[in-house]
Structure formats: structure tokens, C-alpha cells
C-alpha atoms as a PDB file:
ATOM      1  CA  MET A   1      16.289   7.894 -12.762  1.00  0.00           C
ATOM      2  CA  MET A   2      12.874   8.827 -12.348  1.00  0.00           C
ATOM      3  CA  GLY A   3      11.194  10.911 -15.300  1.00  0.00           C
ATOM      4  CA  ARG A   4       9.257  13.759 -15.837  1.00  0.00           C
ATOM      5  CA  LYS A   5       5.824  12.264 -14.869  1.00  0.00           C
ATOM      6  CA  THR A   6       6.495  11.065 -11.436  1.00  0.00           C
ATOM      7  CA  TYR A   7       4.013  10.251  -8.239  1.00  0.00           C
ATOM      8  CA  GLY A   8       4.893   9.423  -5.010  1.00  0.00           C
ATOM      9  CA  VAL A   9       1.926   7.674  -2.917  1.00  0.00           C
ATOM     10  CA  ASP A  10       1.725   7.476   0.737  1.00  0.00           C
ATOM     11  CA  PHE A  11      -0.634   4.642   1.628  1.00  0.00           C
ATOM     12  CA  GLY A  12      -1.772   5.449   5.143  1.00  0.00           C
ATOM     13  CA  THR A  13      -4.325   3.778   7.220  1.00  0.00           C
ATOM     14  CA  ASN A  14      -6.667   6.735   7.757  1.00  0.00           C
ATOM     15  CA  MET A  15      -5.386   8.939   4.484  1.00  0.00           C
ATOM     16  CA  ILE A  16      -3.938   8.338   1.237  1.00  0.00           C
ATOM     17  CA  LYS A  17      -1.652  11.066  -0.154  1.00  0.00           C
ATOM     18  CA  ILE A  18       0.003  11.601  -3.690  1.00  0.00           C
ATOM     19  CA  TYR A  19       2.561  14.076  -4.391  1.00  0.00           C
ATOM     20  CA  LYS A  20       3.185  14.705  -8.118  1.00  0.00           C
ATOM     21  CA  LYS A  21       6.421  15.818  -9.355  1.00  0.00           C
ATOM     22  CA  GLY A  22       6.791  19.697  -9.933  1.00  0.00           C
ATOM     23  CA  SER A  23       3.566  20.292  -8.250  1.00  0.00           C
ATOM     24  CA  GLY A  24       3.595  19.101  -4.628  1.00  0.00           C
ATOM     25  CA  VAL A  25       0.895  17.189  -2.728  1.00  0.00           C
ATOM     26  CA  VAL A  26      -1.957  16.819  -5.077  1.00  0.00           C
ATOM     27  CA  LEU A  27      -4.125  14.484  -3.367  1.00  0.00           C
ATOM     28  CA  ALA A  28      -4.779  13.818   0.395  1.00  0.00           C
ATOM     29  CA  GLU A  29      -8.083  12.074   1.176  1.00  0.00           C
ATOM     30  CA  LYS A  30      -9.529   9.505   3.659  1.00  0.00           C
ATOM     31  CA  ASN A  31      -8.345   6.074   2.658  1.00  0.00           C
ATOM     32  CA  VAL A  32     -12.065   4.839   2.910  1.00  0.00           C
ATOM     33  CA  ILE A  33     -14.710   3.238   0.395  1.00  0.00           C
ATOM     34  CA  ALA A  34     -18.292   2.564   0.548  1.00  0.00           C
ATOM     35  CA  ILE A  35     -19.915  -0.296  -0.989  1.00  0.00           C
ATOM     36  CA  GLU A  36     -23.758  -0.799  -1.456  1.00  0.00           C
ATOM     37  CA  LYS A  37     -24.709  -4.580  -1.491  1.00  0.00           C
ATOM     38  CA  LYS A  38     -21.081  -5.841  -1.726  1.00  0.00           C
ATOM     39  CA  LYS A  39     -21.061  -4.886  -5.239  1.00  0.00           C
ATOM     40  CA  ARG A  40     -21.519  -1.178  -6.257  1.00  0.00           C
ATOM     41  CA  ILE A  41     -19.241   1.479  -5.334  1.00  0.00           C
ATOM     42  CA  LEU A  42     -21.281   4.105  -3.561  1.00  0.00           C
ATOM     43  CA  ALA A  43     -18.548   6.664  -2.482  1.00  0.00           C
ATOM     44  CA  THR A  44     -14.834   6.578  -2.110  1.00  0.00           C
ATOM     45  CA  GLY A  45     -12.521   9.031   0.268  1.00  0.00           C
ATOM     46  CA  ASP A  46     -13.510  12.118   2.041  1.00  0.00           C
ATOM     47  CA  ASN A  47     -17.287  11.354   0.677  1.00  0.00           C
ATOM     48  CA  ALA A  48     -17.255   7.608   2.022  1.00  0.00           C
ATOM     49  CA  TYR A  49     -16.098   8.893   5.539  1.00  0.00           C
ATOM     50  CA  GLU A  50     -19.035  11.321   5.644  1.00  0.00           C
ATOM     51  CA  MET A  51     -21.252   7.894   5.729  1.00  0.00           C
ATOM     52  CA  LEU A  52     -18.863   6.430   8.444  1.00  0.00           C
ATOM     53  CA  GLY A  53     -21.131   5.167  11.343  1.00  0.00           C
ATOM     54  CA  LYS A  54     -24.327   6.611   9.419  1.00  0.00           C
ATOM     55  CA  ALA A  55     -24.882   3.821   6.681  1.00  0.00           C
ATOM     56  CA  PRO A  56     -27.660   1.643   6.379  1.00  0.00           C
ATOM     57  CA  LEU A  57     -26.874  -2.300   6.931  1.00  0.00           C
ATOM     58  CA  ASP A  58     -26.570  -2.919   2.984  1.00  0.00           C
ATOM     59  CA  ILE A  59     -23.796  -0.181   2.659  1.00  0.00           C
ATOM     60  CA  GLN A  60     -20.554  -1.699   4.035  1.00  0.00           C
ATOM     61  CA  VAL A  61     -17.954   1.217   4.236  1.00  0.00           C
ATOM     62  CA  THR A  62     -14.626   0.123   5.066  1.00  0.00           C
ATOM     63  CA  THR A  63     -10.884   0.803   5.239  1.00  0.00           C
ATOM     64  CA  PRO A  64      -8.644  -1.256   3.139  1.00  0.00           C
ATOM     65  CA  ILE A  65      -5.619  -0.520   4.998  1.00  0.00           C
ATOM     66  CA  GLN A  66      -5.240  -2.170   8.469  1.00  0.00           C
ATOM     67  CA  ASN A  67      -2.159  -2.009  10.762  1.00  0.00           C
ATOM     68  CA  GLY A  68      -0.171  -0.370   7.977  1.00  0.00           C
ATOM     69  CA  VAL A  69      -0.559  -3.081   5.746  1.00  0.00           C
ATOM     70  CA  ILE A  70      -2.977  -4.068   2.743  1.00  0.00           C
ATOM     71  CA  ALA A  71      -5.953  -5.996   3.905  1.00  0.00           C
ATOM     72  CA  ASP A  72      -8.532  -5.646   1.146  1.00  0.00           C
ATOM     73  CA  ILE A  73      -6.706  -5.517  -2.243  1.00  0.00           C
ATOM     74  CA  SER A  74      -9.529  -5.451  -4.343  1.00  0.00           C
ATOM     75  CA  ASN A  75     -10.868  -2.391  -2.607  1.00  0.00           C
ATOM     76  CA  MET A  76      -7.515  -0.432  -2.378  1.00  0.00           C
ATOM     77  CA  GLN A  77      -6.906  -1.337  -6.071  1.00  0.00           C
ATOM     78  CA  VAL A  78     -10.393   0.505  -6.682  1.00  0.00           C
ATOM     79  CA  LEU A  79      -9.711   3.301  -4.433  1.00  0.00           C
ATOM     80  CA  LEU A  80      -6.070   4.194  -6.127  1.00  0.00           C
ATOM     81  CA  ASN A  81      -7.653   4.018  -9.381  1.00  0.00           C
ATOM     82  CA  HIS A  82     -10.365   6.577  -8.526  1.00  0.00           C
ATOM     83  CA  PHE A  83      -7.685   8.844  -6.817  1.00  0.00           C
ATOM     84  CA  LEU A  84      -5.430   8.379 -10.042  1.00  0.00           C
ATOM     85  CA  GLU A  85      -8.441   9.431 -12.377  1.00  0.00           C
ATOM     86  CA  LYS A  86      -9.114  12.349  -9.783  1.00  0.00           C
ATOM     87  CA  ILE A  87      -5.567  13.826 -10.251  1.00  0.00           C
ATOM     88  CA  SER A  88      -4.682  13.213 -13.478  1.00  0.00           C
ATOM     89  CA  GLY A  89      -7.818  12.255 -15.846  1.00  0.00           C
ATOM     90  CA  LYS A  90      -8.451   8.955 -16.998  1.00  0.00           C
ATOM     91  CA  GLY A  91      -5.645   7.453 -18.767  1.00  0.00           C
ATOM     92  CA  LYS A  92      -3.234  10.360 -18.587  1.00  0.00           C
ATOM     93  CA  VAL A  93      -1.294   8.954 -15.659  1.00  0.00           C
ATOM     94  CA  LYS A  94      -0.158   5.934 -17.841  1.00  0.00           C
ATOM     95  CA  GLY A  95       3.341   5.232 -18.179  1.00  0.00           C
ATOM     96  CA  ALA A  96       4.258   7.680 -15.109  1.00  0.00           C
ATOM     97  CA  ASP A  97       6.965   6.389 -12.692  1.00  0.00           C
ATOM     98  CA  PHE A  98       6.134   6.066  -8.861  1.00  0.00           C
ATOM     99  CA  LEU A  99       7.634   5.933  -5.310  1.00  0.00           C
ATOM    100  CA  VAL A 100       6.020   4.160  -2.952  1.00  0.00           C
ATOM    101  CA  ALA A 101       6.682   4.311   1.230  1.00  0.00           C
ATOM    102  CA  VAL A 102       6.245   1.057   2.862  1.00  0.00           C
ATOM    103  CA  PRO A 103       6.732   0.263   6.601  1.00  0.00           C
ATOM    104  CA  THR A 104       9.783  -1.512   7.470  1.00  0.00           C
ATOM    105  CA  ASP A 105       9.118  -4.492   9.790  1.00  0.00           C
ATOM    106  CA  ILE A 106       6.480  -6.000   7.269  1.00  0.00           C
ATOM    107  CA  THR A 107       7.059  -9.263   5.349  1.00  0.00           C
ATOM    108  CA  GLN A 108       8.427  -9.298   1.696  1.00  0.00           C
ATOM    109  CA  VAL A 109       4.724 -10.700   0.543  1.00  0.00           C
ATOM    110  CA  GLU A 110       3.279  -7.658   2.139  1.00  0.00           C
ATOM    111  CA  LYS A 111       5.777  -5.154   0.562  1.00  0.00           C
ATOM    112  CA  ARG A 112       5.159  -6.994  -2.766  1.00  0.00           C
ATOM    113  CA  ALA A 113       1.495  -6.166  -2.081  1.00  0.00           C
ATOM    114  CA  PHE A 114       2.018  -2.564  -2.385  1.00  0.00           C
ATOM    115  CA  TYR A 115       4.297  -2.888  -5.473  1.00  0.00           C
ATOM    116  CA  ASP A 116       1.514  -5.045  -7.221  1.00  0.00           C
ATOM    117  CA  LEU A 117      -1.120  -2.613  -6.244  1.00  0.00           C
ATOM    118  CA  VAL A 118       0.479   0.301  -8.320  1.00  0.00           C
ATOM    119  CA  VAL A 119       1.464  -1.963 -11.080  1.00  0.00           C
ATOM    120  CA  GLN A 120      -2.162  -2.949 -11.707  1.00  0.00           C
ATOM    121  CA  SER A 121      -3.534   0.233 -11.529  1.00  0.00           C
ATOM    122  CA  ILE A 122      -4.561   2.364 -14.374  1.00  0.00           C
ATOM    123  CA  GLY A 123      -1.220   4.156 -14.186  1.00  0.00           C
ATOM    124  CA  LYS A 124       0.263   1.166 -15.656  1.00  0.00           C
ATOM    125  CA  ALA A 125       3.649   2.269 -13.976  1.00  0.00           C
ATOM    126  CA  LYS A 126       6.952   2.518 -15.957  1.00  0.00           C
ATOM    127  CA  THR A 127       9.213   1.929 -13.015  1.00  0.00           C
ATOM    128  CA  VAL A 128       8.145   1.411  -9.017  1.00  0.00           C
ATOM    129  CA  ARG A 129      10.311   2.314  -6.310  1.00  0.00           C
ATOM    130  CA  VAL A 130       9.782   1.486  -2.915  1.00  0.00           C
ATOM    131  CA  VAL A 131      11.436   3.610   0.125  1.00  0.00           C
ATOM    132  CA  GLU A 132      10.976   2.496   3.839  1.00  0.00           C
ATOM    133  CA  LYS A 133       8.514   4.928   5.673  1.00  0.00           C
ATOM    134  CA  PRO A 134      10.828   6.138   8.253  1.00  0.00           C
ATOM    135  CA  ILE A 135      13.194   7.339   5.390  1.00  0.00           C
ATOM    136  CA  ALA A 136      10.548   9.397   4.051  1.00  0.00           C
ATOM    137  CA  THR A 137       9.348  10.440   7.512  1.00  0.00           C
ATOM    138  CA  ALA A 138      12.789  12.064   8.218  1.00  0.00           C
ATOM    139  CA  LEU A 139      13.272  13.683   5.040  1.00  0.00           C
ATOM    140  CA  GLY A 140       9.940  15.252   5.156  1.00  0.00           C
ATOM    141  CA  MET A 141      11.069  16.675   8.471  1.00  0.00           C
ATOM    142  CA  ASP A 142      14.119  18.215   6.977  1.00  0.00           C
ATOM    143  CA  VAL A 143      16.428  15.986   8.212  1.00  0.00           C
ATOM    144  CA  ASP A 144      19.318  14.538   6.516  1.00  0.00           C
ATOM    145  CA  VAL A 145      19.248  10.738   6.673  1.00  0.00           C
ATOM    146  CA  THR A 146      22.148  10.015   3.892  1.00  0.00           C
ATOM    147  CA  SER A 147      24.996  11.371   6.318  1.00  0.00           C
ATOM    148  CA  SER A 148      26.815   8.745   8.855  1.00  0.00           C
ATOM    149  CA  ARG A 149      24.967  11.064  11.939  1.00  0.00           C
ATOM    150  CA  GLY A 150      22.278   8.960  13.527  1.00  0.00           C
ATOM    151  CA  VAL A 151      18.905   9.851  13.471  1.00  0.00           C
ATOM    152  CA  MET A 152      15.480   8.667  15.593  1.00  0.00           C
ATOM    153  CA  THR A 153      12.146   9.174  14.384  1.00  0.00           C
ATOM    154  CA  VAL A 154       8.808   8.534  15.887  1.00  0.00           C
ATOM    155  CA  ASP A 155       5.734   7.748  13.384  1.00  0.00           C
ATOM    156  CA  ILE A 156       2.287   7.377  15.241  1.00  0.00           C
ATOM    157  CA  GLY A 157       0.019   6.562  12.558  1.00  0.00           C
ATOM    158  CA  GLY A 158      -3.529   5.211  12.661  1.00  0.00           C
ATOM    159  CA  ASP A 159      -3.159   1.724  13.678  1.00  0.00           C
ATOM    160  CA  THR A 160       0.617   1.532  14.597  1.00  0.00           C
ATOM    161  CA  THR A 161       3.532   3.497  15.660  1.00  0.00           C
ATOM    162  CA  GLU A 162       6.847   3.094  13.749  1.00  0.00           C
ATOM    163  CA  ILE A 163      10.089   3.475  15.849  1.00  0.00           C
ATOM    164  CA  ALA A 164      13.427   3.656  13.733  1.00  0.00           C
ATOM    165  CA  ILE A 165      17.092   4.566  14.160  1.00  0.00           C
ATOM    166  CA  MET A 166      18.777   5.267  10.663  1.00  0.00           C
ATOM    167  CA  SER A 167      22.239   6.555   9.335  1.00  0.00           C
ATOM    168  CA  LEU A 168      24.040   6.602   5.976  1.00  0.00           C
ATOM    169  CA  GLY A 169      20.509   6.279   4.273  1.00  0.00           C
ATOM    170  CA  GLY A 170      19.505   2.826   5.600  1.00  0.00           C
ATOM    171  CA  ILE A 171      17.653   1.655   8.814  1.00  0.00           C
ATOM    172  CA  VAL A 172      19.855   0.585  11.358  1.00  0.00           C
ATOM    173  CA  ILE A 173      17.271  -0.713  13.984  1.00  0.00           C
ATOM    174  CA  SER A 174      13.517  -0.510  13.774  1.00  0.00           C
ATOM    175  CA  MET A 175       9.993  -1.468  15.619  1.00  0.00           C
ATOM    176  CA  ILE A 176       6.369  -1.243  15.057  1.00  0.00           C
ATOM    177  CA  ILE A 177       3.885  -1.479  17.509  1.00  0.00           C
ATOM    178  CA  PRO A 178       0.197  -1.849  17.544  1.00  0.00           C
ATOM    179  CA  ILE A 179      -0.426   1.733  18.999  1.00  0.00           C
ATOM    180  CA  GLY A 180      -1.897   4.542  17.126  1.00  0.00           C
ATOM    181  CA  GLY A 181      -4.656   7.333  16.859  1.00  0.00           C
ATOM    182  CA  ASN A 182      -7.357   4.919  16.183  1.00  0.00           C
ATOM    183  CA  LYS A 183      -6.490   2.836  19.261  1.00  0.00           C
ATOM    184  CA  ILE A 184      -7.161   5.980  21.346  1.00  0.00           C
ATOM    185  CA  ASP A 185     -10.203   6.545  19.664  1.00  0.00           C
ATOM    186  CA  THR A 186     -11.558   3.123  20.572  1.00  0.00           C
ATOM    187  CA  SER A 187     -10.372   3.558  24.285  1.00  0.00           C
ATOM    188  CA  ILE A 188     -12.229   6.954  24.063  1.00  0.00           C
ATOM    189  CA  GLN A 189     -15.209   5.020  22.835  1.00  0.00           C
ATOM    190  CA  SER A 190     -15.010   2.338  25.828  1.00  0.00           C
ATOM    191  CA  ALA A 191     -14.329   5.145  28.279  1.00  0.00           C
ATOM    192  CA  VAL A 192     -17.302   7.245  27.429  1.00  0.00           C
ATOM    193  CA  LYS A 193     -19.620   4.343  27.227  1.00  0.00           C
ATOM    194  CA  ARG A 194     -18.265   3.051  30.661  1.00  0.00           C
ATOM    195  CA  LYS A 195     -18.611   6.343  32.447  1.00  0.00           C
ATOM    196  CA  PHE A 196     -21.706   8.079  30.786  1.00  0.00           C
ATOM    197  CA  ASN A 197     -23.404   5.232  29.609  1.00  0.00           C
ATOM    198  CA  LEU A 198     -23.163   6.546  26.294  1.00  0.00           C
ATOM    199  CA  PHE A 199     -22.485   4.638  22.763  1.00  0.00           C
ATOM    200  CA  ILE A 200     -20.405   7.056  20.409  1.00  0.00           C
ATOM    201  CA  GLY A 201     -19.051   6.730  17.382  1.00  0.00           C
ATOM    202  CA  GLU A 202     -15.542   6.631  15.742  1.00  0.00           C
ATOM    203  CA  LYS A 203     -15.571   9.991  14.469  1.00  0.00           C
ATOM    204  CA  SER A 204     -17.133  11.552  17.758  1.00  0.00           C
ATOM    205  CA  ALA A 205     -14.346   9.750  19.411  1.00  0.00           C
ATOM    206  CA  GLU A 206     -11.776  11.549  17.484  1.00  0.00           C
ATOM    207  CA  THR A 207     -13.373  15.221  17.527  1.00  0.00           C
ATOM    208  CA  ILE A 208     -13.121  14.541  21.499  1.00  0.00           C
ATOM    209  CA  LYS A 209      -9.580  13.448  21.132  1.00  0.00           C
ATOM    210  CA  MET A 210      -8.381  16.515  18.934  1.00  0.00           C
ATOM    211  CA  ALA A 211     -10.163  18.755  21.479  1.00  0.00           C
ATOM    212  CA  LEU A 212      -9.159  17.167  24.781  1.00  0.00           C
ATOM    213  CA  ALA A 213      -6.373  14.628  24.512  1.00  0.00           C
ATOM    214  CA  SER A 214      -2.975  15.563  26.543  1.00  0.00           C
ATOM    215  CA  ALA A 215      -0.033  13.708  27.469  1.00  0.00           C
ATOM    216  CA  VAL A 216       0.137  15.147  30.925  1.00  0.00           C
ATOM    217  CA  ALA A 217      -2.690  15.356  33.615  1.00  0.00           C
ATOM    218  CA  PRO A 218      -4.622  18.431  32.756  1.00  0.00           C
ATOM    219  CA  LYS A 219      -4.563  21.249  35.635  1.00  0.00           C
ATOM    220  CA  GLU A 220      -7.774  22.848  34.575  1.00  0.00           C
ATOM    221  CA  GLU A 221     -10.845  20.943  33.696  1.00  0.00           C
ATOM    222  CA  GLU A 222     -12.201  21.331  30.392  1.00  0.00           C
ATOM    223  CA  GLN A 223     -15.133  19.444  28.814  1.00  0.00           C
ATOM    224  CA  VAL A 224     -16.595  18.795  25.196  1.00  0.00           C
ATOM    225  CA  ARG A 225     -20.397  18.209  24.458  1.00  0.00           C
ATOM    226  CA  VAL A 226     -20.932  15.172  22.608  1.00  0.00           C
ATOM    227  CA  LEU A 227     -24.213  13.239  21.271  1.00  0.00           C
ATOM    228  CA  GLY A 228     -24.705   9.511  21.263  1.00  0.00           C
ATOM    229  CA  ARG A 229     -27.082   6.691  21.820  1.00  0.00           C
ATOM    230  CA  ASP A 230     -27.820   5.690  25.445  1.00  0.00           C
ATOM    231  CA  VAL A 231     -26.881   2.168  26.475  1.00  0.00           C
ATOM    232  CA  VAL A 232     -29.765   1.692  28.794  1.00  0.00           C
ATOM    233  CA  ASN A 233     -32.915   3.117  26.802  1.00  0.00           C
ATOM    234  CA  GLY A 234     -31.551   3.268  23.233  1.00  0.00           C
ATOM    235  CA  LEU A 235     -32.428   7.092  22.927  1.00  0.00           C
ATOM    236  CA  PRO A 236     -30.303   9.825  21.596  1.00  0.00           C
ATOM    237  CA  ARG A 237     -28.780  11.744  24.440  1.00  0.00           C
ATOM    238  CA  GLU A 238     -25.825  14.030  25.029  1.00  0.00           C
ATOM    239  CA  ALA A 239     -23.210  14.452  27.597  1.00  0.00           C
ATOM    240  CA  HIS A 240     -20.224  16.408  28.500  1.00  0.00           C
ATOM    241  CA  VAL A 241     -16.726  14.644  28.564  1.00  0.00           C
ATOM    242  CA  ASP A 242     -14.355  15.885  30.698  1.00  0.00           C
ATOM    243  CA  SER A 243     -10.198  16.251  29.987  1.00  0.00           C
ATOM    244  CA  GLN A 244      -9.226  13.913  32.852  1.00  0.00           C
ATOM    245  CA  THR A 245     -11.099  10.841  31.515  1.00  0.00           C
ATOM    246  CA  ILE A 246      -9.821  11.354  28.094  1.00  0.00           C
ATOM    247  CA  TYR A 247      -6.326  11.832  29.741  1.00  0.00           C
ATOM    248  CA  GLN A 248      -6.520   8.619  31.357  1.00  0.00           C
ATOM    249  CA  CYS A 249      -7.410   7.078  27.751  1.00  0.00           C
ATOM    250  CA  VAL A 250      -4.509   8.795  26.348  1.00  0.00           C
ATOM    251  CA  LYS A 251      -1.887   7.933  28.871  1.00  0.00           C
ATOM    252  CA  GLU A 252      -2.142   4.178  28.527  1.00  0.00           C
ATOM    253  CA  HIS A 253      -1.243   4.173  25.136  1.00  0.00           C
ATOM    254  CA  ILE A 254       1.634   6.855  25.416  1.00  0.00           C
ATOM    255  CA  ASN A 255       3.529   4.988  27.790  1.00  0.00           C
ATOM    256  CA  GLY A 256       3.363   2.022  25.630  1.00  0.00           C
ATOM    257  CA  ILE A 257       5.271   4.187  22.797  1.00  0.00           C
ATOM    258  CA  ILE A 258       7.701   5.449  25.534  1.00  0.00           C
ATOM    259  CA  ASN A 259       8.674   2.049  26.508  1.00  0.00           C
ATOM    260  CA  ALA A 260       9.181   0.903  23.217  1.00  0.00           C
ATOM    261  CA  VAL A 261      11.168   4.024  22.313  1.00  0.00           C
ATOM    262  CA  LYS A 262      13.440   2.859  25.586  1.00  0.00           C
ATOM    263  CA  MET A 263      13.638  -0.336  24.227  1.00  0.00           C
ATOM    264  CA  ILE A 264      14.985   0.694  21.014  1.00  0.00           C
ATOM    265  CA  LEU A 265      17.408   3.177  22.644  1.00  0.00           C
ATOM    266  CA  GLU A 266      18.695   0.442  24.758  1.00  0.00           C
ATOM    267  CA  ARG A 267      19.820  -1.760  21.389  1.00  0.00           C
ATOM    268  CA  THR A 268      21.302   1.354  19.762  1.00  0.00           C
ATOM    269  CA  PRO A 269      25.061   1.086  19.022  1.00  0.00           C
ATOM    270  CA  PRO A 270      26.979   3.760  21.269  1.00  0.00           C
ATOM    271  CA  GLU A 271      28.175   5.782  18.303  1.00  0.00           C
ATOM    272  CA  ILE A 272      24.455   6.461  16.866  1.00  0.00           C
ATOM    273  CA  SER A 273      23.518   7.112  20.736  1.00  0.00           C
ATOM    274  CA  SER A 274      25.777  10.014  20.977  1.00  0.00           C
ATOM    275  CA  ASP A 275      24.061  11.601  17.750  1.00  0.00           C
ATOM    276  CA  ILE A 276      20.911  11.028  18.836  1.00  0.00           C
ATOM    277  CA  ILE A 277      21.782  13.063  22.244  1.00  0.00           C
ATOM    278  CA  GLU A 278      22.975  15.756  20.267  1.00  0.00           C
ATOM    279  CA  THR A 279      19.550  15.924  17.601  1.00  0.00           C
ATOM    280  CA  GLY A 280      17.171  14.555  19.730  1.00  0.00           C
ATOM    281  CA  ILE A 281      13.980  12.177  18.637  1.00  0.00           C
ATOM    282  CA  PHE A 282      11.831  13.428  15.613  1.00  0.00           C
ATOM    283  CA  VAL A 283       8.182  12.706  16.449  1.00  0.00           C
ATOM    284  CA  THR A 284       5.502  13.105  13.746  1.00  0.00           C
ATOM    285  CA  GLY A 285       2.100  11.192  12.612  1.00  0.00           C
ATOM    286  CA  GLY A 286      -1.335  12.664  13.242  1.00  0.00           C
ATOM    287  CA  SER A 287      -1.229  11.774  17.051  1.00  0.00           C
ATOM    288  CA  ALA A 288       1.864  13.958  17.319  1.00  0.00           C
ATOM    289  CA  ARG A 289      -0.393  16.838  17.880  1.00  0.00           C
ATOM    290  CA  ILE A 290      -1.388  15.682  21.514  1.00  0.00           C
ATOM    291  CA  ARG A 291      -0.751  18.199  23.925  1.00  0.00           C
ATOM    292  CA  LYS A 292       2.352  18.112  25.905  1.00  0.00           C
ATOM    293  CA  LEU A 293       3.552  14.863  24.202  1.00  0.00           C
ATOM    294  CA  ALA A 294       7.131  16.439  23.662  1.00  0.00           C
ATOM    295  CA  GLU A 295       7.463  17.083  26.955  1.00  0.00           C
ATOM    296  CA  VAL A 296       6.596  13.650  28.405  1.00  0.00           C
ATOM    297  CA  ILE A 297       8.604  11.892  25.906  1.00  0.00           C
ATOM    298  CA  SER A 298      11.550  14.474  26.849  1.00  0.00           C
ATOM    299  CA  ILE A 299      11.203  13.584  30.546  1.00  0.00           C
ATOM    300  CA  GLU A 300      11.083  10.182  30.269  1.00  0.00           C
ATOM    301  CA  THR A 301      14.204   9.576  27.875  1.00  0.00           C
ATOM    302  CA  GLY A 302      16.226  12.346  28.601  1.00  0.00           C
ATOM    303  CA  LEU A 303      16.540  13.627  25.283  1.00  0.00           C
ATOM    304  CA  GLN A 304      15.330  16.330  23.058  1.00  0.00           C
ATOM    305  CA  VAL A 305      12.075  15.863  21.209  1.00  0.00           C
ATOM    306  CA  ASN A 306      11.084  17.541  17.717  1.00  0.00           C
ATOM    307  CA  ILE A 307       7.748  17.504  16.808  1.00  0.00           C
ATOM    308  CA  ALA A 308       6.857  17.879  13.006  1.00  0.00           C
ATOM    309  CA  GLU A 309       5.327  20.998  11.576  1.00  0.00           C
ATOM    310  CA  GLU A 310       3.196  19.107   9.464  1.00  0.00           C
ATOM    311  CA  PRO A 311       2.680  15.557  11.491  1.00  0.00           C
ATOM    312  CA  GLU A 312       0.398  14.220   8.806  1.00  0.00           C
ATOM    313  CA  ASP A 313       2.143  15.097   6.051  1.00  0.00           C
ATOM    314  CA  SER A 314       5.748  14.214   6.835  1.00  0.00           C
ATOM    315  CA  VAL A 315       5.824  10.833   4.734  1.00  0.00           C
ATOM    316  CA  VAL A 316       4.602  12.174   1.484  1.00  0.00           C
ATOM    317  CA  LEU A 317       6.277  15.452   1.603  1.00  0.00           C
ATOM    318  CA  GLY A 318       9.695  13.144   2.090  1.00  0.00           C
ATOM    319  CA  LEU A 319       8.673  11.052  -0.976  1.00  0.00           C
ATOM    320  CA  GLY A 320       8.539  14.761  -2.682  1.00  0.00           C
ATOM    321  CA  LYS A 321      12.190  15.435  -1.525  1.00  0.00           C
ATOM    322  CA  ILE A 322      13.119  12.226  -3.165  1.00  0.00           C
ATOM    323  CA  ILE A 323      10.920  12.791  -6.562  1.00  0.00           C
ATOM    324  CA  GLU A 324      12.448  16.433  -7.003  1.00  0.00           C
ATOM    325  CA  ASN A 325      16.159  15.781  -5.832  1.00  0.00           C
ATOM    326  CA  ARG A 326      18.113  13.023  -8.235  1.00  0.00           C
ATOM    327  CA  LYS A 327      20.857  12.801  -5.715  1.00  0.00           C
ATOM    328  CA  LEU A 328      18.051  11.077  -3.515  1.00  0.00           C
ATOM    329  CA  ILE A 329      16.860   8.834  -5.557  1.00  0.00           C
ATOM    330  CA  SER A 330      18.960   5.907  -4.484  1.00  0.00           C
ATOM    331  CA  LEU A 331      17.126   5.732  -1.244  1.00  0.00           C
ATOM    332  CA  GLY A 332      14.464   3.933  -3.244  1.00  0.00           C
ATOM    333  CA  THR A 333      14.700   0.341  -4.255  1.00  0.00           C
ATOM    334  CA  ILE A 334      13.519  -0.614  -7.629  1.00  0.00           C
ATOM    335  CA  VAL A 335      11.031  -3.603  -7.379  1.00  0.00           C
ATOM    336  CA  LYS A 336      11.106  -5.924 -10.785  1.00  0.00           C
END
């Protein structure tokens, strides 16, 4: 049983989100930290993200979560402590219960790292439960995962896409592939450099993606003005990036996700397959906002595709559902 003071934490590659019992989502910030001369913490969260691509050599701006797992535990510890202080005031969060979302297809050591991170934080957790991300994702989309009806989710995150089949509150089949929004951004950076002889930053690539990315070839050409550094002379310059170029960047990644979806469907038990025909595929994650994504996945699989209304928040909202409903608490496993 979780107590009155309970928090749900979604450690995303790009964002960290915290849900507080009775209050809803109380924090959503970039999972970024800026360190000066490898020692002094200069900025965290959204403030650190603003420094990305602009910081001098003695300031390192990094993301502690890579490919869905903790790559830098010490910096992630600093970030978590900072965020807990921000939402609760120093020391006030001590003795709380925590529910943490973790990817399914990672090692026990990697899962344990999430537990240790929370236990060693200023929260001094009373209990820590972990819940597999696909379970939280489905709940966040108002999908019942506790019944015998099979459910399929596709969560397109920053570095990875997690595909899962669930039934009776558990994972039947799952797969994590190294495709996500950040990989699309990198492809856009490469394409702009190749076609326009222009270096652009990660944030510029993300802006272009949000404006132009489509899963189908554009019928009408659109353009976005982008600023960067000329490859030849090194001087600042602008270019107008077209939607056809961005489509080519997006297409290969979308095809990779669709191929993985098909692989999972081929391995799905027949009884669950019949359920998925009825309910369709539930797609979430930041890149679920790519235009015409549902249409393309539906054509390729022959199934209905449901895109989350708030795709970036599905996991943290799912944690909230478990926290607020004691009947769902068994979906979280206590780590000892």
C-alpha cells in the first residue's frame, strides 16, 4: 500500500517527469545538466538545455540517460535531488513512497540502478516500486491492462522505441529498438549538412522536425528557415530546408519501427492477435506527433492505430493512475 506522500517518476532520455499523489504532474523538465570544469553544477533541467550547443569548452552539457538507461549515475543523482527539492522544498520529501517506470528489455543491473538512484536521493524513500514502462504507457492512454484482452503499445522515445504486447497486467512480448526522436534529429543534421553545406545544432534539427516531419511524402512543398555555420568558410549562414528532404530523413526510421511492429505481431499468440484486431495499436511518445504516422502504420499492418492525446506524458500519467487507484498497486513491484 502506498502512503499519502507518493511520487511517480518517469526518467526519460529527453525529459524527467514527476507525478505527486493528489496533485498530478508537478514537474516536467529537460533531463539535462551543465557542469563547469567537470566540478561545479552550473545549471539543471530547462536552464541547462538552453545552454546546449552554446556552451564554451569548459562547460559540459550532457544528458545522464542514454538509450533508456542511466549512463551517468552521479549526474542523474544531482538532477533528481535538484528536482525533488524544487517540487517539495529541501527535506520535505523524505520518507515518501516512490513508483518508478523502467524499460522492460533491460538487464536486472540496469533496473536496479533506477532503484538505487531513488533510494540514495534526498527522498530517502520509504518504499520503491518499479513498473514496466509499457504498463504505465497503456494506463496513461486509458487502456485497461489488467483484463485478459491483449493490448499492443508502441512508445517512440528519445533514443529508443519500446514495443510491447500486454495481457492480465503483464508483458507477453516486448522489444526495444534503437530508433527514436533523437536519431531522427541526427539524420536531419546530416541531411542539412550534405544538401546545404550547413552545420546545424540539435535544437535546430528538433525545430525542423516539429515543423516539417511527415511519415508520407509531402504533396505540397513546405520550407523552414534555419541558421547555421557554413561547412566551407565557417561563417554564419541561413538556408531554407524543404519538407521533401525531411521526409527522406524520417522515412527510414519509421520503416524501422514498422518492421519491428510486424516482427512482434508475427510472434503474438493467436488469441491475443484477435484482441489487437479489435482494439488496434496504441502509439505514444514525442515522435508520435509526426504527421500521418497513424495512417502509414495502419496501411502497413492492416490495423487500427490510436495516437495518444498527450503522447509525451503517457508514462507519467500512467504512473499517476497506479498511485491514485489502490486496485492497481499490484502492477508495481517492490524492490528490496
